[in-house]
Amino acid sequence: MTKERFFEWSGTITAIAYCLLVASNTGAEFIGFLLLLVSSALIGVWAFMGKHRGILFLQLFYATAGFIGMFRWY
């Protein structure tokens, strides 16, 4: 597995876990937003490596949403 594939798929899997945790409304929202932050970092690295500037820019906003979500749920 290449580095690019690792960052792409690990970011995707953590984003899926984030969505499921937040949607489940089971009190695990803080962990979900933490996963969003991790996912945005992983996909951001992938986007940077592949020069996908639009996706990299989008990940900055996802990271911001992760920080806001953790702050509001803490």
PDB file of N, CA and C in Angstrom:
ATOM      1  N   MET A   1       0.856  -1.186   0.000  1.00  0.00           N
ATOM      2  CA  MET A   1       0.000   0.000   0.000  1.00  0.00           C
ATOM      3  C   MET A   1       0.895   1.241   0.000  1.00  0.00           C
ATOM      4  N   THR A   2       0.590   2.149  -0.903  1.00  0.00           N
ATOM      5  CA  THR A   2       1.364   3.385  -0.979  1.00  0.00           C
ATOM      6  C   THR A   2       0.930   4.350   0.129  1.00  0.00           C
ATOM      7  N   LYS A   3       1.775   5.334   0.378  1.00  0.00           N
ATOM      8  CA  LYS A   3       1.438   6.353   1.376  1.00  0.00           C
ATOM      9  C   LYS A   3       0.156   7.083   0.991  1.00  0.00           C
ATOM     10  N   GLU A   4       0.044   7.408  -0.290  1.00  0.00           N
ATOM     11  CA  GLU A   4      -1.139   8.136  -0.751  1.00  0.00           C
ATOM     12  C   GLU A   4      -2.410   7.350  -0.478  1.00  0.00           C
ATOM     13  N   ARG A   5      -2.364   6.064  -0.768  1.00  0.00           N
ATOM     14  CA  ARG A   5      -3.544   5.214  -0.525  1.00  0.00           C
ATOM     15  C   ARG A   5      -3.858   5.110   0.955  1.00  0.00           C
ATOM     16  N   PHE A   6      -2.827   5.011   1.787  1.00  0.00           N
ATOM     17  CA  PHE A   6      -3.046   4.942   3.237  1.00  0.00           C
ATOM     18  C   PHE A   6      -3.788   6.176   3.726  1.00  0.00           C
ATOM     19  N   PHE A   7      -3.293   7.365   3.364  1.00  0.00           N
ATOM     20  CA  PHE A   7      -3.934   8.597   3.822  1.00  0.00           C
ATOM     21  C   PHE A   7      -5.346   8.736   3.263  1.00  0.00           C
ATOM     22  N   GLU A   8      -5.527   8.395   2.019  1.00  0.00           N
ATOM     23  CA  GLU A   8      -6.849   8.491   1.395  1.00  0.00           C
ATOM     24  C   GLU A   8      -7.859   7.595   2.100  1.00  0.00           C
ATOM     25  N   TRP A   9      -7.527   6.321   2.283  1.00  0.00           N
ATOM     26  CA  TRP A   9      -8.497   5.372   2.825  1.00  0.00           C
ATOM     27  C   TRP A   9      -8.644   5.450   4.334  1.00  0.00           C
ATOM     28  N   SER A  10      -7.586   5.749   5.058  1.00  0.00           N
ATOM     29  CA  SER A  10      -7.743   5.908   6.503  1.00  0.00           C
ATOM     30  C   SER A  10      -8.567   7.162   6.802  1.00  0.00           C
ATOM     31  N   GLY A  11      -8.383   8.209   6.006  1.00  0.00           N
ATOM     32  CA  GLY A  11      -9.216   9.407   6.169  1.00  0.00           C
ATOM     33  C   GLY A  11     -10.670   9.141   5.842  1.00  0.00           C
ATOM     34  N   THR A  12     -10.911   8.343   4.817  1.00  0.00           N
ATOM     35  CA  THR A  12     -12.281   7.996   4.433  1.00  0.00           C
ATOM     36  C   THR A  12     -12.957   7.170   5.521  1.00  0.00           C
ATOM     37  N   ILE A  13     -12.254   6.188   6.053  1.00  0.00           N
ATOM     38  CA  ILE A  13     -12.833   5.320   7.083  1.00  0.00           C
ATOM     39  C   ILE A  13     -13.130   6.103   8.357  1.00  0.00           C
ATOM     40  N   THR A  14     -12.225   7.009   8.760  1.00  0.00           N
ATOM     41  CA  THR A  14     -12.506   7.802   9.961  1.00  0.00           C
ATOM     42  C   THR A  14     -13.666   8.775   9.719  1.00  0.00           C
ATOM     43  N   ALA A  15     -13.827   9.272   8.504  1.00  0.00           N
ATOM     44  CA  ALA A  15     -14.964  10.148   8.196  1.00  0.00           C
ATOM     45  C   ALA A  15     -16.280   9.378   8.281  1.00  0.00           C
ATOM     46  N   ILE A  16     -16.279   8.142   7.817  1.00  0.00           N
ATOM     47  CA  ILE A  16     -17.478   7.304   7.913  1.00  0.00           C
ATOM     48  C   ILE A  16     -17.818   7.047   9.384  1.00  0.00           C
ATOM     49  N   ALA A  17     -16.799   6.739  10.183  1.00  0.00           N
ATOM     50  CA  ALA A  17     -17.024   6.499  11.623  1.00  0.00           C
ATOM     51  C   ALA A  17     -17.571   7.762  12.284  1.00  0.00           C
ATOM     52  N   TYR A  18     -17.044   8.920  11.904  1.00  0.00           N
ATOM     53  CA  TYR A  18     -17.550  10.192  12.437  1.00  0.00           C
ATOM     54  C   TYR A  18     -19.034  10.352  12.134  1.00  0.00           C
ATOM     55  N   CYS A  19     -19.403  10.137  10.884  1.00  0.00           N
ATOM     56  CA  CYS A  19     -20.808  10.297  10.486  1.00  0.00           C
ATOM     57  C   CYS A  19     -21.725   9.376  11.278  1.00  0.00           C
ATOM     58  N   LEU A  20     -21.316   8.136  11.427  1.00  0.00           N
ATOM     59  CA  LEU A  20     -22.151   7.172  12.149  1.00  0.00           C
ATOM     60  C   LEU A  20     -22.273   7.519  13.626  1.00  0.00           C
ATOM     61  N   LEU A  21     -21.186   7.965  14.251  1.00  0.00           N
ATOM     62  CA  LEU A  21     -21.254   8.327  15.667  1.00  0.00           C
ATOM     63  C   LEU A  21     -22.141   9.537  15.912  1.00  0.00           C
ATOM     64  N   VAL A  22     -22.000  10.550  15.091  1.00  0.00           N
ATOM     65  CA  VAL A  22     -22.816  11.752  15.279  1.00  0.00           C
ATOM     66  C   VAL A  22     -24.285  11.463  14.975  1.00  0.00           C
ATOM     67  N   ALA A  23     -24.546  10.696  13.930  1.00  0.00           N
ATOM     68  CA  ALA A  23     -25.923  10.376  13.562  1.00  0.00           C
ATOM     69  C   ALA A  23     -26.598   9.445  14.563  1.00  0.00           C
ATOM     70  N   SER A  24     -25.820   8.649  15.275  1.00  0.00           N
ATOM     71  CA  SER A  24     -26.409   7.701  16.236  1.00  0.00           C
ATOM     72  C   SER A  24     -26.996   8.395  17.461  1.00  0.00           C
ATOM     73  N   ASN A  25     -26.552   9.626  17.728  1.00  0.00           N
ATOM     74  CA  ASN A  25     -27.069  10.399  18.860  1.00  0.00           C
ATOM     75  C   ASN A  25     -27.019   9.597  20.163  1.00  0.00           C
ATOM     76  N   THR A  26     -25.869   8.990  20.420  1.00  0.00           N
ATOM     77  CA  THR A  26     -25.696   8.146  21.604  1.00  0.00           C
ATOM     78  C   THR A  26     -24.792   8.775  22.659  1.00  0.00           C
ATOM     79  N   GLY A  27     -24.458  10.029  22.490  1.00  0.00           N
ATOM     80  CA  GLY A  27     -23.588  10.699  23.447  1.00  0.00           C
ATOM     81  C   GLY A  27     -22.115  10.605  23.088  1.00  0.00           C
ATOM     82  N   ALA A  28     -21.804  10.047  21.932  1.00  0.00           N
ATOM     83  CA  ALA A  28     -20.407   9.908  21.507  1.00  0.00           C
ATOM     84  C   ALA A  28     -20.026  11.005  20.508  1.00  0.00           C
ATOM     85  N   GLU A  29     -20.726  12.116  20.567  1.00  0.00           N
ATOM     86  CA  GLU A  29     -20.477  13.180  19.600  1.00  0.00           C
ATOM     87  C   GLU A  29     -19.073  13.748  19.713  1.00  0.00           C
ATOM     88  N   PHE A  30     -18.550  13.866  20.923  1.00  0.00           N
ATOM     89  CA  PHE A  30     -17.194  14.400  21.081  1.00  0.00           C
ATOM     90  C   PHE A  30     -16.190  13.520  20.344  1.00  0.00           C
ATOM     91  N   ILE A  31     -16.308  12.217  20.504  1.00  0.00           N
ATOM     92  CA  ILE A  31     -15.421  11.287  19.804  1.00  0.00           C
ATOM     93  C   ILE A  31     -15.629  11.410  18.299  1.00  0.00           C
ATOM     94  N   GLY A  32     -16.872  11.573  17.890  1.00  0.00           N
ATOM     95  CA  GLY A  32     -17.173  11.749  16.475  1.00  0.00           C
ATOM     96  C   GLY A  32     -16.484  12.978  15.900  1.00  0.00           C
ATOM     97  N   PHE A  33     -16.553  14.095  16.607  1.00  0.00           N
ATOM     98  CA  PHE A  33     -15.902  15.305  16.116  1.00  0.00           C
ATOM     99  C   PHE A  33     -14.385  15.171  16.144  1.00  0.00           C
ATOM    100  N   LEU A  34     -13.866  14.423  17.096  1.00  0.00           N
ATOM    101  CA  LEU A  34     -12.432  14.136  17.102  1.00  0.00           C
ATOM    102  C   LEU A  34     -12.047  13.332  15.864  1.00  0.00           C
ATOM    103  N   LEU A  35     -12.895  12.363  15.506  1.00  0.00           N
ATOM    104  CA  LEU A  35     -12.648  11.591  14.287  1.00  0.00           C
ATOM    105  C   LEU A  35     -12.728  12.471  13.040  1.00  0.00           C
ATOM    106  N   LEU A  36     -13.616  13.451  13.049  1.00  0.00           N
ATOM    107  CA  LEU A  36     -13.687  14.395  11.923  1.00  0.00           C
ATOM    108  C   LEU A  36     -12.379  15.158  11.794  1.00  0.00           C
ATOM    109  N   LEU A  37     -11.832  15.575  12.918  1.00  0.00           N
ATOM    110  CA  LEU A  37     -10.560  16.288  12.904  1.00  0.00           C
ATOM    111  C   LEU A  37      -9.436  15.398  12.368  1.00  0.00           C
ATOM    112  N   VAL A  38      -9.388  14.158  12.831  1.00  0.00           N
ATOM    113  CA  VAL A  38      -8.373  13.209  12.359  1.00  0.00           C
ATOM    114  C   VAL A  38      -8.558  12.952  10.862  1.00  0.00           C
ATOM    115  N   SER A  39      -9.792  12.733  10.452  1.00  0.00           N
ATOM    116  CA  SER A  39     -10.084  12.482   9.046  1.00  0.00           C
ATOM    117  C   SER A  39      -9.646  13.648   8.174  1.00  0.00           C
ATOM    118  N   SER A  40      -9.947  14.856   8.601  1.00  0.00           N
ATOM    119  CA  SER A  40      -9.567  16.016   7.788  1.00  0.00           C
ATOM    120  C   SER A  40      -8.054  16.145   7.686  1.00  0.00           C
ATOM    121  N   ALA A  41      -7.337  15.770   8.734  1.00  0.00           N
ATOM    122  CA  ALA A  41      -5.873  15.800   8.668  1.00  0.00           C
ATOM    123  C   ALA A  41      -5.358  14.748   7.692  1.00  0.00           C
ATOM    124  N   LEU A  42      -5.893  13.537   7.778  1.00  0.00           N
ATOM    125  CA  LEU A  42      -5.438  12.458   6.896  1.00  0.00           C
ATOM    126  C   LEU A  42      -5.745  12.761   5.428  1.00  0.00           C
ATOM    127  N   ILE A  43      -6.958  13.184   5.157  1.00  0.00           N
ATOM    128  CA  ILE A  43      -7.325  13.504   3.780  1.00  0.00           C
ATOM    129  C   ILE A  43      -6.589  14.763   3.313  1.00  0.00           C
ATOM    130  N   GLY A  44      -6.331  15.682   4.246  1.00  0.00           N
ATOM    131  CA  GLY A  44      -5.553  16.863   3.905  1.00  0.00           C
ATOM    132  C   GLY A  44      -4.144  16.511   3.454  1.00  0.00           C
ATOM    133  N   VAL A  45      -3.513  15.561   4.143  1.00  0.00           N
ATOM    134  CA  VAL A  45      -2.177  15.110   3.734  1.00  0.00           C
ATOM    135  C   VAL A  45      -2.246  14.474   2.347  1.00  0.00           C
ATOM    136  N   TRP A  46      -3.257  13.628   2.141  1.00  0.00           N
ATOM    137  CA  TRP A  46      -3.440  12.997   0.826  1.00  0.00           C
ATOM    138  C   TRP A  46      -3.618  14.061  -0.265  1.00  0.00           C
ATOM    139  N   ALA A  47      -4.449  15.057   0.020  1.00  0.00           N
ATOM    140  CA  ALA A  47      -4.707  16.112  -0.962  1.00  0.00           C
ATOM    141  C   ALA A  47      -3.438  16.909  -1.253  1.00  0.00           C
ATOM    142  N   PHE A  48      -2.668  17.173  -0.226  1.00  0.00           N
ATOM    143  CA  PHE A  48      -1.416  17.911  -0.413  1.00  0.00           C
ATOM    144  C   PHE A  48      -0.446  17.108  -1.272  1.00  0.00           C
ATOM    145  N   MET A  49      -0.330  15.825  -0.992  1.00  0.00           N
ATOM    146  CA  MET A  49       0.582  14.963  -1.744  1.00  0.00           C
ATOM    147  C   MET A  49       0.187  14.878  -3.218  1.00  0.00           C
ATOM    148  N   GLY A  50      -1.104  14.851  -3.468  1.00  0.00           N
ATOM    149  CA  GLY A  50      -1.593  14.731  -4.843  1.00  0.00           C
ATOM    150  C   GLY A  50      -1.899  16.052  -5.519  1.00  0.00           C
ATOM    151  N   LYS A  51      -1.601  17.150  -4.822  1.00  0.00           N
ATOM    152  CA  LYS A  51      -1.857  18.495  -5.350  1.00  0.00           C
ATOM    153  C   LYS A  51      -3.336  18.722  -5.680  1.00  0.00           C
ATOM    154  N   HIS A  52      -4.203  18.186  -4.831  1.00  0.00           N
ATOM    155  CA  HIS A  52      -5.652  18.404  -4.967  1.00  0.00           C
ATOM    156  C   HIS A  52      -6.015  19.613  -4.102  1.00  0.00           C
ATOM    157  N   ARG A  53      -5.811  20.782  -4.627  1.00  0.00           N
ATOM    158  CA  ARG A  53      -5.939  22.001  -3.827  1.00  0.00           C
ATOM    159  C   ARG A  53      -7.356  22.258  -3.325  1.00  0.00           C
ATOM    160  N   GLY A  54      -8.350  21.947  -4.130  1.00  0.00           N
ATOM    161  CA  GLY A  54      -9.727  22.159  -3.701  1.00  0.00           C
ATOM    162  C   GLY A  54     -10.093  21.271  -2.525  1.00  0.00           C
ATOM    163  N   ILE A  55      -9.676  20.021  -2.564  1.00  0.00           N
ATOM    164  CA  ILE A  55      -9.953  19.098  -1.458  1.00  0.00           C
ATOM    165  C   ILE A  55      -9.174  19.521  -0.220  1.00  0.00           C
ATOM    166  N   LEU A  56      -7.941  19.964  -0.391  1.00  0.00           N
ATOM    167  CA  LEU A  56      -7.147  20.445   0.739  1.00  0.00           C
ATOM    168  C   LEU A  56      -7.826  21.630   1.404  1.00  0.00           C
ATOM    169  N   PHE A  57      -8.319  22.555   0.596  1.00  0.00           N
ATOM    170  CA  PHE A  57      -9.029  23.715   1.134  1.00  0.00           C
ATOM    171  C   PHE A  57     -10.278  23.280   1.900  1.00  0.00           C
ATOM    172  N   LEU A  58     -11.009  22.327   1.356  1.00  0.00           N
ATOM    173  CA  LEU A  58     -12.199  21.810   2.017  1.00  0.00           C
ATOM    174  C   LEU A  58     -11.858  21.185   3.373  1.00  0.00           C
ATOM    175  N   GLN A  59     -10.729  20.503   3.458  1.00  0.00           N
ATOM    176  CA  GLN A  59     -10.338  19.854   4.708  1.00  0.00           C
ATOM    177  C   GLN A  59     -10.051  20.862   5.813  1.00  0.00           C
ATOM    178  N   LEU A  60      -9.622  22.059   5.434  1.00  0.00           N
ATOM    179  CA  LEU A  60      -9.427  23.110   6.436  1.00  0.00           C
ATOM    180  C   LEU A  60     -10.757  23.466   7.108  1.00  0.00           C
ATOM    181  N   PHE A  61     -11.823  23.498   6.324  1.00  0.00           N
ATOM    182  CA  PHE A  61     -13.133  23.794   6.893  1.00  0.00           C
ATOM    183  C   PHE A  61     -13.655  22.617   7.725  1.00  0.00           C
ATOM    184  N   TYR A  62     -13.404  21.389   7.289  1.00  0.00           N
ATOM    185  CA  TYR A  62     -13.794  20.226   8.088  1.00  0.00           C
ATOM    186  C   TYR A  62     -13.039  20.206   9.412  1.00  0.00           C
ATOM    187  N   ALA A  63     -11.762  20.551   9.381  1.00  0.00           N
ATOM    188  CA  ALA A  63     -10.987  20.607  10.626  1.00  0.00           C
ATOM    189  C   ALA A  63     -11.563  21.670  11.556  1.00  0.00           C
ATOM    190  N   THR A  64     -11.940  22.802  10.994  1.00  0.00           N
ATOM    191  CA  THR A  64     -12.563  23.861  11.800  1.00  0.00           C
ATOM    192  C   THR A  64     -13.867  23.376  12.411  1.00  0.00           C
ATOM    193  N   ALA A  65     -14.675  22.665  11.638  1.00  0.00           N
ATOM    194  CA  ALA A  65     -15.927  22.114  12.160  1.00  0.00           C
ATOM    195  C   ALA A  65     -15.645  21.102  13.270  1.00  0.00           C
ATOM    196  N   GLY A  66     -14.591  20.316  13.122  1.00  0.00           N
ATOM    197  CA  GLY A  66     -14.213  19.369  14.166  1.00  0.00           C
ATOM    198  C   GLY A  66     -13.849  20.075  15.460  1.00  0.00           C
ATOM    199  N   PHE A  67     -13.052  21.143  15.366  1.00  0.00           N
ATOM    200  CA  PHE A  67     -12.693  21.914  16.561  1.00  0.00           C
ATOM    201  C   PHE A  67     -13.922  22.542  17.209  1.00  0.00           C
ATOM    202  N   ILE A  68     -14.778  23.135  16.406  1.00  0.00           N
ATOM    203  CA  ILE A  68     -15.994  23.758  16.945  1.00  0.00           C
ATOM    204  C   ILE A  68     -16.875  22.709  17.606  1.00  0.00           C
ATOM    205  N   GLY A  69     -17.060  21.569  16.957  1.00  0.00           N
ATOM    206  CA  GLY A  69     -17.885  20.510  17.532  1.00  0.00           C
ATOM    207  C   GLY A  69     -17.340  20.001  18.851  1.00  0.00           C
ATOM    208  N   MET A  70     -16.022  19.792  18.937  1.00  0.00           N
ATOM    209  CA  MET A  70     -15.436  19.323  20.201  1.00  0.00           C
ATOM    210  C   MET A  70     -15.582  20.375  21.291  1.00  0.00           C
ATOM    211  N   PHE A  71     -15.364  21.642  20.936  1.00  0.00           N
ATOM    212  CA  PHE A  71     -15.485  22.720  21.904  1.00  0.00           C
ATOM    213  C   PHE A  71     -16.919  22.805  22.438  1.00  0.00           C
ATOM    214  N   ARG A  72     -17.893  22.715  21.551  1.00  0.00           N
ATOM    215  CA  ARG A  72     -19.287  22.865  21.968  1.00  0.00           C
ATOM    216  C   ARG A  72     -19.795  21.658  22.761  1.00  0.00           C
ATOM    217  N   TRP A  73     -19.275  20.467  22.494  1.00  0.00           N
ATOM    218  CA  TRP A  73     -19.735  19.282  23.212  1.00  0.00           C
ATOM    219  C   TRP A  73     -18.984  19.053  24.515  1.00  0.00           C
ATOM    220  N   TYR A  74     -17.824  19.704  24.672  1.00  0.00           N
ATOM    221  CA  TYR A  74     -17.065  19.526  25.899  1.00  0.00           C
ATOM    222  C   TYR A  74     -17.657  20.377  26.976  1.00  0.00           C
TER     223      TYR A  74
END
